[in-house]
Amino acid sequence: MIDMNAGIIPPPAPNISPVVDTPIPAPIQEAEVVADEAKVEHKYRVVRGSGDPVYLIKDNYRHWVMNLQVMEKLGYKLGEEEKLTQAEMNTFVPGKAITMENVGDFL
């Protein structure tokens, strides 16, 4: 029988570094984002009653903000509106709806 391993040089042992106690970083958690930007002071109040419509209050009139595009044009972001009860909403006189065509009247 022929020895197949005869004359074969074994591979060198791997260079293994000693185990070092390295701290494992903690998982990244979502942090509450604190904006550096100053709070924007608006000219008018934007409110929401118990339903979906958002209204801009100007001179004791409540004007329906027709859509998000109009709201953004007015300088507001969704979620900035105040929540009012229906009784509080009824203290304002219904005004005209704010559209992209007349949004300039409210800037």
Protein backbone atom coordinates (compact mmCIF):
# COMPACT_ATOMS: atom_id res chain seq x y z
CA MET A 1 0.00 0.00 0.00
CA ILE A 2 1.13 3.49 -0.76
CA ASP A 3 0.99 6.08 2.02
CA MET A 4 -0.79 9.10 0.45
CA ASN A 5 0.20 11.42 3.32
CA ALA A 6 3.90 10.70 2.99
CA GLY A 7 5.90 13.80 2.21
CA ILE A 8 2.99 16.23 2.77
CA ILE A 9 3.78 19.13 5.02
CA PRO A 10 0.86 20.10 7.23
CA PRO A 11 -0.39 23.69 6.90
CA PRO A 12 0.86 26.15 9.50
CA ALA A 13 -1.30 26.67 12.58
CA PRO A 14 -3.50 29.76 12.29
CA ASN A 15 -2.33 32.87 14.09
CA ILE A 16 -4.96 33.20 16.81
CA SER A 17 -5.03 36.39 18.86
CA PRO A 18 -5.75 36.10 22.53
CA VAL A 19 -9.35 36.74 23.55
CA VAL A 20 -9.77 40.29 24.83
CA ASP A 21 -12.76 41.33 26.88
CA THR A 22 -14.18 43.92 24.50
CA PRO A 23 -17.41 45.57 25.56
CA ILE A 24 -20.30 45.01 23.20
CA PRO A 25 -22.01 48.25 22.23
CA ALA A 26 -25.60 48.61 23.32
CA PRO A 27 -28.19 48.48 20.56
CA ILE A 28 -29.08 51.81 19.06
CA GLN A 29 -32.40 52.96 20.34
CA GLU A 30 -34.64 55.45 18.63
CA ALA A 31 -34.31 58.67 20.52
CA GLU A 32 -36.88 61.37 20.69
CA VAL A 33 -35.83 63.96 18.17
CA VAL A 34 -35.55 67.36 19.72
CA ALA A 35 -35.59 69.94 17.00
CA ASP A 36 -33.09 72.73 17.24
CA GLU A 37 -35.40 74.91 15.22
CA ALA A 38 -37.29 77.58 17.08
CA LYS A 39 -41.00 77.11 17.56
CA VAL A 40 -42.80 78.84 14.73
CA GLU A 41 -45.20 81.56 15.80
CA HIS A 42 -48.26 81.53 13.57
CA LYS A 43 -50.54 84.43 12.81
CA TYR A 44 -53.73 82.37 13.23
CA ARG A 45 -54.87 79.29 15.14
CA VAL A 46 -55.46 76.00 13.35
CA VAL A 47 -57.98 73.77 15.10
CA ARG A 48 -59.77 70.44 14.73
CA GLY A 49 -63.05 69.43 16.32
CA SER A 50 -64.23 65.89 16.84
CA GLY A 51 -64.16 65.16 13.09
CA ASP A 52 -61.55 65.21 10.35
CA PRO A 53 -61.80 68.80 9.03
CA VAL A 54 -59.11 71.25 10.07
CA TYR A 55 -60.04 74.90 10.39
CA LEU A 56 -58.08 78.13 10.48
CA ILE A 57 -59.46 80.66 12.95
CA LYS A 58 -59.32 84.26 11.72
CA ASP A 59 -61.33 87.15 13.19
CA ASN A 60 -63.64 84.72 15.06
CA TYR A 61 -64.45 82.86 11.81
CA ARG A 62 -63.53 79.22 11.26
CA HIS A 63 -62.32 78.60 7.73
CA TRP A 64 -62.13 75.02 6.50
CA VAL A 65 -58.61 74.14 5.32
CA MET A 66 -59.52 72.09 2.22
CA ASN A 67 -56.45 69.83 2.05
CA LEU A 68 -52.89 69.20 3.22
CA GLN A 69 -51.42 71.25 0.37
CA VAL A 70 -53.36 74.31 1.57
CA MET A 71 -52.34 73.66 5.16
CA GLU A 72 -48.67 73.52 4.21
CA LYS A 73 -49.02 76.68 2.10
CA LEU A 74 -50.37 78.39 5.22
CA GLY A 75 -47.18 77.32 7.02
CA TYR A 76 -48.69 74.58 9.19
CA LYS A 77 -47.94 70.88 9.49
CA LEU A 78 -50.47 68.16 10.10
CA GLY A 79 -50.57 67.50 13.84
CA GLU A 80 -50.02 71.12 14.87
CA GLU A 81 -53.73 71.81 15.09
CA GLU A 82 -55.38 72.30 18.48
CA LYS A 83 -58.07 69.80 19.47
CA LEU A 84 -61.34 71.50 20.43
CA THR A 85 -64.67 70.18 21.62
CA GLN A 86 -67.69 70.63 19.39
CA ALA A 87 -69.00 73.25 21.83
CA GLU A 88 -65.76 75.22 21.43
CA MET A 89 -65.94 74.84 17.63
CA ASN A 90 -69.48 76.21 17.64
CA THR A 91 -68.26 79.48 19.19
CA PHE A 92 -66.69 80.38 15.83
CA VAL A 93 -68.76 81.61 12.90
CA PRO A 94 -68.45 79.42 9.78
CA GLY A 95 -66.38 81.19 7.14
CA LYS A 96 -65.36 80.41 3.59
CA ALA A 97 -63.26 77.36 2.78
CA ILE A 98 -59.57 77.94 2.11
CA THR A 99 -58.42 76.56 -1.26
CA MET A 100 -55.22 76.95 -3.26
CA GLU A 101 -57.03 79.67 -5.22
CA ASN A 102 -57.73 81.87 -2.18
CA VAL A 103 -54.99 80.80 0.27
CA GLY A 104 -53.22 84.13 -0.31
CA ASP A 105 -56.07 85.89 1.51
CA PHE A 106 -54.98 84.09 4.68
CA LEU A 107 -51.21 84.58 4.55
